[in-house]
Amino acid sequence: MFEKAARIRLLKTSIQEAKKGNMTMGTTISGVKPSLLAGAVLALLFGAGNGLAADEKPDFVSGGVLKVCTGGEFPPMEYYENPGDKDLIGFEIDVMNAIAKRWGVEAEYVVGDFKGLLPSLDSKRCDLVASGILITPARLEKYDGIPYFSSHVVMVTAAKDTETKVPADVSGKIMAIEAGTSYEKMAADLNAELEAEGKAPTQVQTYPSASGVIEQILVGRATATITQDTTAAYRMLQIPGRLAIPYTYDQSENYGIYLRKSDSDRQLLKEAIQALQASGEMKAFLQKWNLPETATDVSHDVN
């Protein structure tokens, strides 16, 4: 930026000298006519359309690539439409592609188990983590995170199960939970409440993916699971009449995009998300994936 400012001052001075008569309209400075110099100044001042915007990129963007870690199994946020597909699709994929485009780079996805996503950020295998991952105080102690999508937690059961209506009804039964998610703590908190009331705790069994958890419900190995309304709605559309949401938790929680600690990079990511929201692109993505139109009407600050 310092070198650019110096070039601008030089060009301005040259034009001023030309106006004072030090040069005729036909003469040039290093072969450049004054009229062209004026255009060069404007190009530098305004970035020739996008030049300055192109400079506003996070430090981690290099080589024309934005690497994003994701679990790849959280429809409609990110998933493979068909077995064997190489390209992910989903709401967050659209969002990340749009952010990458804004920064003038291509998004590249590093797919792995959910519990390994943040460690991959530590090891710099990726630049961002976007995988339907909740913003939590514990995670924010180590990473920066930008909230941008609000969702509710729900309990999911088999549709034919008419007895399980609230979490306490899973007392003494099996609850399937996706490993590495905040739902493990919710299940532990439920067990603490049950034991305090003298009731049998749930038998919590963890699985590496959201699809694996739902499968346990469908085959009858587990009575219930805790998940987000987004996941539940998508599964219910795929297998109509087989799943139910008997209980919705009061609190809403925010999905976010995580990055390594950096005030400047965090601000640039926040501005990119705000730009998508302001332009209407975010709303278009919500509509495309049949998600609540107000889901992204959230504060992007964590304080």
Protein backbone atom coordinates (compact mmCIF):
# COMPACT_ATOMS: atom_id res chain seq x y z
CA MET A 1 0.00 0.00 0.00
CA PHE A 2 2.93 2.38 0.72
CA GLU A 3 4.44 1.81 -2.73
CA LYS A 4 1.04 2.38 -4.36
CA ALA A 5 0.60 5.67 -2.49
CA ALA A 6 4.04 6.80 -3.64
CA ARG A 7 3.18 6.03 -7.25
CA ILE A 8 -0.04 8.00 -6.95
CA ARG A 9 1.82 11.06 -5.58
CA LEU A 10 4.34 10.85 -8.42
CA LEU A 11 1.64 10.67 -11.06
CA LYS A 12 -0.33 13.54 -9.48
CA THR A 13 2.80 15.72 -9.47
CA SER A 14 3.48 14.88 -13.10
CA ILE A 15 -0.02 15.89 -14.14
CA GLN A 16 0.20 19.12 -12.16
CA GLU A 17 3.46 19.97 -13.91
CA ALA A 18 1.85 19.29 -17.26
CA LYS A 19 -0.96 21.69 -16.40
CA LYS A 20 1.54 24.42 -15.45
CA GLY A 21 2.99 24.27 -18.91
CA ASN A 22 6.15 22.34 -18.13
CA MET A 23 5.02 19.88 -20.79
CA THR A 24 3.00 20.29 -23.94
CA MET A 25 -0.09 18.24 -24.48
CA GLY A 26 1.79 16.12 -26.91
CA THR A 27 4.80 15.39 -24.73
CA THR A 28 5.06 12.37 -22.51
CA ILE A 29 6.60 11.26 -19.27
CA SER A 30 8.39 7.99 -19.87
CA GLY A 31 6.29 7.66 -22.98
CA VAL A 32 2.94 8.27 -21.28
CA LYS A 33 0.73 11.22 -22.24
CA PRO A 34 -0.68 13.39 -19.40
CA SER A 35 -4.22 12.28 -20.27
CA LEU A 36 -3.16 8.69 -19.80
CA LEU A 37 -1.41 9.62 -16.58
CA ALA A 38 -4.66 11.01 -15.26
CA GLY A 39 -6.35 7.73 -16.09
CA ALA A 40 -3.59 5.83 -14.34
CA VAL A 41 -4.06 7.92 -11.21
CA LEU A 42 -7.78 7.21 -11.21
CA ALA A 43 -7.13 3.53 -11.75
CA LEU A 44 -4.79 3.46 -8.76
CA LEU A 45 -7.12 5.53 -6.61
CA PHE A 46 -10.18 3.44 -7.34
CA GLY A 47 -8.51 0.14 -7.89
CA ALA A 48 -9.55 -0.07 -11.57
CA GLY A 49 -12.85 -1.43 -10.38
CA ASN A 50 -11.72 -4.26 -8.11
CA GLY A 51 -7.99 -3.79 -7.57
CA LEU A 52 -8.25 -2.51 -3.98
CA ALA A 53 -10.93 -5.07 -3.15
CA ALA A 54 -8.58 -7.78 -4.39
CA ASP A 55 -5.99 -6.59 -1.88
CA GLU A 56 -8.48 -7.05 0.96
CA LYS A 57 -7.85 -10.74 1.49
CA PRO A 58 -7.00 -12.63 4.67
CA ASP A 59 -3.37 -13.48 5.23
CA PHE A 60 -4.09 -17.19 4.85
CA VAL A 61 -5.34 -16.89 1.25
CA SER A 62 -2.44 -17.71 -1.02
CA GLY A 63 -1.85 -19.38 -4.32
CA GLY A 64 -5.36 -18.61 -5.46
CA VAL A 65 -6.89 -21.19 -3.12
CA LEU A 66 -9.07 -21.02 -0.01
CA LYS A 67 -8.89 -24.34 1.85
CA VAL A 68 -11.99 -25.22 3.86
CA CYS A 69 -12.23 -28.13 6.27
CA THR A 70 -15.64 -29.80 6.41
CA GLY A 71 -17.16 -33.09 7.51
CA GLY A 72 -19.01 -33.48 4.23
CA GLU A 73 -21.95 -35.31 5.83
CA PHE A 74 -24.28 -32.64 7.12
CA PRO A 75 -27.06 -32.09 4.59
CA PRO A 76 -28.35 -29.64 3.62
CA MET A 77 -25.26 -27.75 4.78
CA GLU A 78 -22.65 -29.82 2.97
CA TYR A 79 -22.87 -33.31 1.47
CA TYR A 80 -22.33 -35.49 -1.58
CA GLU A 81 -25.53 -35.83 -3.59
CA ASN A 82 -24.65 -39.30 -4.86
CA PRO A 83 -22.16 -41.99 -3.79
CA GLY A 84 -18.90 -41.51 -5.62
CA ASP A 85 -19.43 -37.81 -6.29
CA LYS A 86 -16.29 -35.71 -6.07
CA ASP A 87 -17.92 -32.33 -5.55
CA LEU A 88 -19.76 -31.33 -2.39
CA ILE A 89 -23.05 -29.46 -2.54
CA GLY A 90 -25.12 -27.69 0.10
CA PHE A 91 -25.90 -24.36 1.70
CA GLU A 92 -22.49 -23.84 3.32
CA ILE A 93 -20.74 -24.93 0.14
CA ASP A 94 -22.58 -22.18 -1.72
CA VAL A 95 -21.65 -19.69 1.00
CA MET A 96 -17.97 -20.65 1.02
CA ASN A 97 -17.78 -20.59 -2.78
CA ALA A 98 -19.28 -17.10 -2.74
CA ILE A 99 -16.76 -15.91 -0.13
CA ALA A 100 -13.89 -17.40 -2.12
CA LYS A 101 -15.17 -15.66 -5.25
CA ARG A 102 -15.29 -12.36 -3.37
CA TRP A 103 -11.64 -12.82 -2.44
CA GLY A 104 -10.73 -13.75 -6.01
CA VAL A 105 -9.75 -17.34 -5.23
CA GLU A 106 -11.12 -20.88 -5.60
CA ALA A 107 -12.52 -22.84 -2.66
CA GLU A 108 -10.92 -26.23 -2.04
CA TYR A 109 -12.53 -28.63 0.45
CA VAL A 110 -10.62 -30.83 2.87
CA VAL A 111 -13.05 -33.52 4.06
CA GLY A 112 -12.60 -35.39 7.35
CA ASP A 113 -14.30 -36.60 10.53
CA PHE A 114 -16.07 -33.83 12.40
CA LYS A 115 -13.96 -34.19 15.53
CA GLY A 116 -10.79 -33.71 13.48
CA LEU A 117 -11.81 -30.48 11.76
CA LEU A 118 -10.51 -27.97 14.30
CA PRO A 119 -7.24 -29.89 14.83
CA SER A 120 -6.81 -29.67 11.04
CA LEU A 121 -7.12 -25.90 11.38
CA ASP A 122 -4.33 -26.03 13.98
CA SER A 123 -2.07 -27.97 11.64
CA LYS A 124 -2.87 -25.57 8.76
CA ARG A 125 -4.35 -28.27 6.57
CA CYS A 126 -7.07 -25.72 5.96
CA ASP A 127 -7.77 -22.01 6.38
CA LEU A 128 -11.38 -22.14 7.58
CA VAL A 129 -13.74 -24.68 9.13
CA ALA A 130 -17.35 -24.68 7.86
CA SER A 131 -19.32 -27.78 8.72
CA GLY A 132 -22.49 -26.87 10.58
CA ILE A 133 -20.23 -26.27 13.56
CA LEU A 134 -21.68 -24.45 16.55
CA ILE A 135 -20.15 -21.33 18.05
CA THR A 136 -19.26 -22.21 21.65
CA PRO A 137 -17.28 -20.38 24.36
CA ALA A 138 -14.86 -23.29 24.66
CA ARG A 139 -14.01 -23.24 20.96
CA LEU A 140 -13.68 -19.46 20.96
CA GLU A 141 -10.96 -19.67 23.60
CA LYS A 142 -8.67 -21.17 20.98
CA TYR A 143 -10.13 -20.04 17.65
CA ASP A 144 -11.87 -17.07 16.11
CA GLY A 145 -15.40 -17.76 14.94
CA ILE A 146 -18.03 -15.77 13.05
CA PRO A 147 -21.67 -16.70 13.77
CA TYR A 148 -23.90 -16.45 10.72
CA PHE A 149 -26.69 -19.06 10.89
CA SER A 150 -29.22 -19.66 13.68
CA SER A 151 -30.72 -23.08 14.32
CA HIS A 152 -32.67 -24.88 17.04
CA VAL A 153 -31.74 -28.15 18.70
CA VAL A 154 -34.34 -30.90 18.48
CA MET A 155 -34.82 -34.46 19.67
CA VAL A 156 -35.52 -36.96 16.88
CA THR A 157 -37.22 -40.33 17.26
CA ALA A 158 -38.79 -42.92 14.99
CA ALA A 159 -42.19 -41.76 13.76
CA LYS A 160 -43.85 -44.89 15.13
CA ASP A 161 -42.56 -44.12 18.65
CA THR A 162 -45.49 -42.50 20.46
CA GLU A 163 -44.03 -42.86 23.96
CA THR A 164 -40.91 -40.69 23.69
CA LYS A 165 -42.09 -37.08 23.90
CA VAL A 166 -39.46 -35.31 26.04
CA PRO A 167 -35.76 -36.04 26.71
CA ALA A 168 -36.53 -37.56 30.13
CA ASP A 169 -38.48 -40.30 28.35
CA VAL A 170 -35.18 -41.72 27.08
CA SER A 171 -34.33 -42.75 30.67
CA GLY A 172 -32.83 -46.23 30.65
CA LYS A 173 -32.82 -46.35 26.85
CA ILE A 174 -30.19 -45.77 24.16
CA MET A 175 -29.47 -42.32 22.77
CA ALA A 176 -27.28 -42.12 19.64
CA ILE A 177 -25.05 -39.04 19.38
CA GLU A 178 -22.61 -37.84 16.72
CA ALA A 179 -19.10 -37.96 18.16
CA GLY A 180 -17.28 -34.68 18.76
CA THR A 181 -20.41 -32.52 18.77
CA SER A 182 -21.88 -30.39 21.55
CA TYR A 183 -24.74 -32.90 21.78
CA GLU A 184 -22.49 -35.15 23.84
CA LYS A 185 -22.54 -32.55 26.61
CA MET A 186 -26.31 -32.15 26.29
CA ALA A 187 -26.70 -35.89 26.73
CA ALA A 188 -24.38 -35.80 29.75
CA ASP A 189 -26.39 -32.93 31.26
CA LEU A 190 -29.59 -34.92 30.72
CA ASN A 191 -28.08 -37.89 32.54
CA ALA A 192 -27.07 -35.68 35.46
CA GLU A 193 -30.68 -34.48 35.73
CA LEU A 194 -32.06 -38.00 35.52
CA GLU A 195 -29.70 -39.30 38.19
CA ALA A 196 -30.56 -36.34 40.44
CA GLU A 197 -34.20 -37.39 40.15
CA GLY A 198 -33.38 -41.01 40.92
CA LYS A 199 -34.03 -42.18 37.36
CA ALA A 200 -31.92 -44.42 35.18
CA PRO A 201 -29.57 -42.50 32.86
CA THR A 202 -29.63 -42.88 29.10
CA GLN A 203 -27.09 -45.14 27.46
CA VAL A 204 -25.18 -42.74 25.22
CA GLN A 205 -23.60 -44.30 22.14
CA THR A 206 -21.52 -42.18 19.77
CA TYR A 207 -21.11 -42.55 16.01
CA PRO A 208 -18.73 -40.79 13.61
CA SER A 209 -21.38 -39.25 11.33
CA ALA A 210 -24.87 -37.76 11.42
CA SER A 211 -26.11 -40.31 8.89
CA GLY A 212 -24.84 -43.14 11.12
CA VAL A 213 -26.78 -41.72 14.06
CA ILE A 214 -30.04 -41.54 12.08
CA GLU A 215 -29.52 -45.11 10.90
CA GLN A 216 -29.53 -46.29 14.53
CA ILE A 217 -32.95 -44.69 14.98
CA LEU A 218 -34.32 -46.24 11.80
CA VAL A 219 -33.20 -49.78 12.61
CA GLY A 220 -34.39 -49.51 16.22
CA ARG A 221 -31.01 -49.73 17.95
CA ALA A 222 -31.47 -46.30 19.53
CA THR A 223 -34.58 -44.57 20.83
CA ALA A 224 -33.58 -41.00 20.09
CA THR A 225 -30.87 -38.58 19.10
CA ILE A 226 -30.19 -34.89 19.59
CA THR A 227 -29.47 -32.88 16.47
CA GLN A 228 -30.20 -29.60 14.70
CA ASP A 229 -33.52 -28.83 13.04
CA THR A 230 -31.71 -28.46 9.71
CA THR A 231 -30.47 -32.04 9.76
CA ALA A 232 -33.78 -33.37 11.00
CA ALA A 233 -35.79 -31.56 8.33
CA TYR A 234 -33.52 -32.83 5.56
CA ARG A 235 -33.69 -36.45 6.77
CA MET A 236 -37.46 -36.26 7.09
CA LEU A 237 -37.74 -35.06 3.49
CA GLN A 238 -35.55 -37.91 2.29
CA ILE A 239 -37.45 -40.62 4.17
CA PRO A 240 -41.00 -39.33 4.60
CA GLY A 241 -43.04 -40.74 7.45
CA ARG A 242 -40.19 -42.52 9.25
CA LEU A 243 -38.84 -39.86 11.62
CA ALA A 244 -40.44 -37.41 14.04
CA ILE A 245 -39.45 -34.34 16.07
CA PRO A 246 -41.33 -34.72 19.36
CA TYR A 247 -39.32 -32.10 21.22
CA THR A 248 -37.69 -28.76 20.33
CA TYR A 249 -35.29 -27.19 22.81
CA ASP A 250 -35.99 -23.58 23.78
CA GLN A 251 -32.59 -22.19 23.01
CA SER A 252 -31.32 -21.42 19.54
CA GLU A 253 -27.70 -21.91 18.63
CA ASN A 254 -25.52 -20.39 15.99
CA TYR A 255 -23.46 -22.16 13.36
CA GLY A 256 -20.26 -20.38 12.53
CA ILE A 257 -17.12 -20.36 10.44
CA TYR A 258 -13.90 -20.86 12.40
CA LEU A 259 -10.40 -19.59 11.64
CA ARG A 260 -7.10 -19.27 13.44
CA LYS A 261 -6.82 -16.30 15.80
CA SER A 262 -6.30 -13.06 13.87
CA ASP A 263 -8.14 -9.78 14.38
CA SER A 264 -7.62 -8.65 10.79
CA ASP A 265 -8.57 -11.97 9.20
CA ARG A 266 -11.64 -12.24 11.41
CA GLN A 267 -12.77 -8.77 10.33
CA LEU A 268 -12.33 -9.59 6.64
CA LEU A 269 -14.35 -12.79 7.02
CA LYS A 270 -17.06 -10.91 8.88
CA GLU A 271 -17.21 -8.28 6.12
CA ALA A 272 -17.47 -10.98 3.45
CA ILE A 273 -20.43 -12.59 5.25
CA GLN A 274 -22.11 -9.21 5.72
CA ALA A 275 -21.67 -8.46 2.03
CA LEU A 276 -23.43 -11.70 1.08
CA GLN A 277 -26.25 -10.85 3.45
CA ALA A 278 -26.61 -7.30 2.14
CA SER A 279 -26.53 -8.34 -1.52
CA GLY A 280 -29.32 -10.89 -1.10
CA GLU A 281 -27.10 -13.82 -2.07
CA MET A 282 -27.44 -15.36 1.40
CA LYS A 283 -31.25 -15.24 1.18
CA ALA A 284 -31.11 -16.87 -2.24
CA PHE A 285 -29.01 -19.72 -0.82
CA LEU A 286 -31.52 -20.21 2.02
CA GLN A 287 -34.37 -20.42 -0.46
CA LYS A 288 -32.44 -22.83 -2.67
CA TRP A 289 -31.97 -25.27 0.22
CA ASN A 290 -35.45 -24.80 1.72
CA LEU A 291 -34.07 -23.33 4.93
CA PRO A 292 -35.82 -20.71 7.11
CA GLU A 293 -35.53 -17.32 5.45
CA THR A 294 -34.57 -15.67 8.76
CA ALA A 295 -31.87 -18.23 9.63
CA THR A 296 -29.02 -15.86 8.72
CA ASP A 297 -30.50 -12.79 10.42
CA VAL A 298 -28.02 -13.02 13.27
CA SER A 299 -25.30 -10.87 14.77
CA HIS A 300 -21.85 -11.72 13.46
CA ASP A 301 -20.24 -10.73 16.75
CA VAL A 302 -19.63 -13.16 19.60
CA ASN A 303 -19.67 -10.65 22.50
